[in-house]
Amino acid sequence: MSNLDINTILSEKGVKPTANRIVVGRELLKASRPLSLADLEQLTEFTMDKASIFRVLELFAAKNVVHVIEDGSRSLKYEICAGHAHHSIFDQHVHFYCEQCKETYCFKDVSVPRITTPEGFQAHAINYMVKGICPKCAK
């Protein structure tokens, strides 16, 4: 996603680009993996407090700027949504949670499998998480 600019993403999603939103968005774009609130707090240590980061993440989630990932670590992770004007299940990908080092990895080239739901159910998000041991920890 390095070719994407956070200002463009925010504009496409109808979010005003304030200083805090730009800081958080840039960190999420730079990341090679989904980030937690604590990760973002460390990365923006000198510019933002935890409450400000949380408010930005809540807005980003509500406006479909980010996907919220539950990896089993009891800490939500966030990553920029790859879809442009809208948020879709089909722009999501599989994630891997290493049970040893507690890192969450993106498998960007592995799409979430399509599923059908019973009549009357409307799926808005899928959290497809594979758990195990990463190559680094397996050594």
Protein backbone atom coordinates (compact mmCIF):
# COMPACT_ATOMS: atom_id res chain seq x y z
CA MET A 1 0.00 0.00 0.00
CA SER A 2 2.99 2.28 -0.17
CA ASN A 3 1.55 4.04 -3.23
CA LEU A 4 -1.48 5.18 -1.25
CA ASP A 5 -1.56 8.51 0.52
CA ILE A 6 -3.47 8.87 3.80
CA ASN A 7 -5.03 12.17 2.69
CA THR A 8 -6.48 10.46 -0.39
CA ILE A 9 -7.80 7.55 1.66
CA LEU A 10 -9.44 9.86 4.20
CA SER A 11 -10.97 11.95 1.42
CA GLU A 12 -12.38 8.85 -0.31
CA LYS A 13 -13.94 7.73 2.99
CA GLY A 14 -15.37 11.18 3.81
CA VAL A 15 -13.10 11.78 6.82
CA LYS A 16 -11.64 15.23 7.49
CA PRO A 17 -7.81 14.96 7.54
CA THR A 18 -6.87 16.40 10.95
CA ALA A 19 -3.30 16.25 12.26
CA ASN A 20 -4.01 13.31 14.60
CA ARG A 21 -5.81 11.33 11.90
CA ILE A 22 -2.95 11.85 9.48
CA VAL A 23 -0.36 10.74 12.07
CA VAL A 24 -2.27 7.54 12.92
CA GLY A 25 -3.08 6.85 9.27
CA ARG A 26 0.54 7.22 8.19
CA GLU A 27 1.70 4.79 10.88
CA LEU A 28 -0.91 2.26 9.78
CA LEU A 29 0.12 2.65 6.14
CA LYS A 30 3.83 2.20 6.97
CA ALA A 31 3.21 -0.93 9.04
CA SER A 32 3.91 -4.35 7.60
CA ARG A 33 1.41 -5.91 10.00
CA PRO A 34 -1.78 -4.93 11.81
CA LEU A 35 -1.11 -2.62 14.77
CA SER A 36 -2.69 -2.49 18.22
CA LEU A 37 -3.50 0.63 20.20
CA ALA A 38 -0.36 -0.03 22.29
CA ASP A 39 1.76 -0.33 19.12
CA LEU A 40 0.43 3.00 17.87
CA GLU A 41 0.97 4.58 21.28
CA GLN A 42 4.67 3.65 21.09
CA LEU A 43 5.03 4.85 17.50
CA THR A 44 3.40 8.22 18.23
CA GLU A 45 4.87 8.53 21.74
CA PHE A 46 5.84 12.18 21.44
CA THR A 47 2.85 13.46 19.48
CA MET A 48 -0.31 11.74 20.78
CA ASP A 49 -1.78 10.25 23.92
CA LYS A 50 -3.64 6.94 24.15
CA ALA A 51 -7.10 8.53 24.32
CA SER A 52 -6.49 10.57 21.15
CA ILE A 53 -5.26 7.50 19.27
CA PHE A 54 -8.29 5.51 20.47
CA ARG A 55 -10.69 8.22 19.23
CA VAL A 56 -9.01 8.22 15.81
CA LEU A 57 -9.20 4.41 15.59
CA GLU A 58 -12.87 4.42 16.59
CA LEU A 59 -13.63 6.98 13.88
CA PHE A 60 -11.56 5.07 11.32
CA ALA A 61 -13.47 1.88 12.14
CA ALA A 62 -16.86 3.63 11.91
CA LYS A 63 -15.92 5.19 8.55
CA ASN A 64 -14.40 1.95 7.17
CA VAL A 65 -10.91 3.42 6.94
CA VAL A 66 -9.54 0.41 8.86
CA HIS A 67 -10.33 -3.24 9.33
CA VAL A 68 -10.50 -4.24 12.99
CA ILE A 69 -8.89 -7.61 13.62
CA GLU A 70 -9.47 -9.89 16.59
CA ASP A 71 -6.49 -12.24 16.73
CA GLY A 72 -7.06 -13.85 20.10
CA SER A 73 -4.47 -11.74 21.90
CA ARG A 74 -7.20 -9.76 23.73
CA SER A 75 -5.95 -6.66 21.93
CA LEU A 76 -7.68 -5.42 18.78
CA LYS A 77 -5.43 -4.82 15.79
CA TYR A 78 -6.02 -2.30 13.01
CA GLU A 79 -4.97 -2.06 9.38
CA ILE A 80 -5.89 0.27 6.56
CA CYS A 81 -8.78 -1.01 4.44
CA ALA A 82 -7.59 -1.67 0.88
CA GLY A 83 -11.00 -0.92 -0.65
CA HIS A 84 -11.31 2.56 -2.04
CA ALA A 85 -14.74 4.17 -1.85
CA HIS A 86 -16.43 1.38 0.13
CA HIS A 87 -15.63 -1.30 2.66
CA SER A 88 -16.15 -4.88 1.56
CA ILE A 89 -15.64 -8.36 2.90
CA PHE A 90 -13.88 -9.11 -0.36
CA ASP A 91 -11.03 -6.65 0.22
CA GLN A 92 -10.14 -8.48 3.42
CA HIS A 93 -7.39 -11.08 3.62
CA VAL A 94 -6.30 -13.89 5.91
CA HIS A 95 -4.19 -13.20 9.01
CA PHE A 96 -1.87 -15.46 10.99
CA TYR A 97 -1.36 -15.17 14.75
CA CYS A 98 1.82 -16.71 16.17
CA GLU A 99 0.97 -18.23 19.52
CA GLN A 100 4.60 -18.03 20.62
CA CYS A 101 5.79 -14.49 19.76
CA LYS A 102 2.23 -13.05 19.77
CA GLU A 103 2.72 -11.29 16.39
CA THR A 104 -0.08 -11.01 13.85
CA TYR A 105 0.92 -11.35 10.19
CA CYS A 106 -0.95 -10.36 7.05
CA PHE A 107 -1.33 -12.89 4.28
CA LYS A 108 -2.29 -10.20 1.75
CA ASP A 109 -2.19 -12.64 -1.14
CA VAL A 110 -4.62 -15.05 0.54
CA SER A 111 -8.21 -13.85 0.23
CA VAL A 112 -10.86 -14.62 2.78
CA PRO A 113 -12.89 -17.53 1.38
CA ARG A 114 -16.36 -16.61 0.15
CA ILE A 115 -19.12 -17.97 2.31
CA THR A 116 -22.85 -17.94 2.02
CA THR A 117 -25.04 -17.16 4.99
CA PRO A 118 -28.56 -18.39 5.59
CA GLU A 119 -31.38 -16.30 4.18
CA GLY A 120 -31.90 -13.03 6.05
CA PHE A 121 -28.32 -12.74 7.36
CA GLN A 122 -26.12 -9.95 5.98
CA ALA A 123 -22.37 -10.31 6.55
CA HIS A 124 -20.42 -7.04 6.91
CA ALA A 125 -17.07 -8.39 8.08
CA ILE A 126 -15.18 -11.63 8.35
CA ASN A 127 -12.34 -12.22 10.78
CA TYR A 128 -10.34 -15.07 9.23
CA MET A 129 -7.48 -15.90 11.58
CA VAL A 130 -5.06 -18.81 11.33
CA LYS A 131 -3.17 -19.59 14.55
CA GLY A 132 0.05 -21.46 15.00
CA ILE A 133 3.81 -20.88 15.05
CA CYS A 134 5.57 -18.48 12.65
CA PRO A 135 8.76 -19.49 10.78
CA LYS A 136 10.91 -17.31 13.08
CA CYS A 137 9.66 -19.07 16.22
CA ALA A 138 9.72 -22.53 14.61
CA LYS A 139 13.54 -22.36 14.29
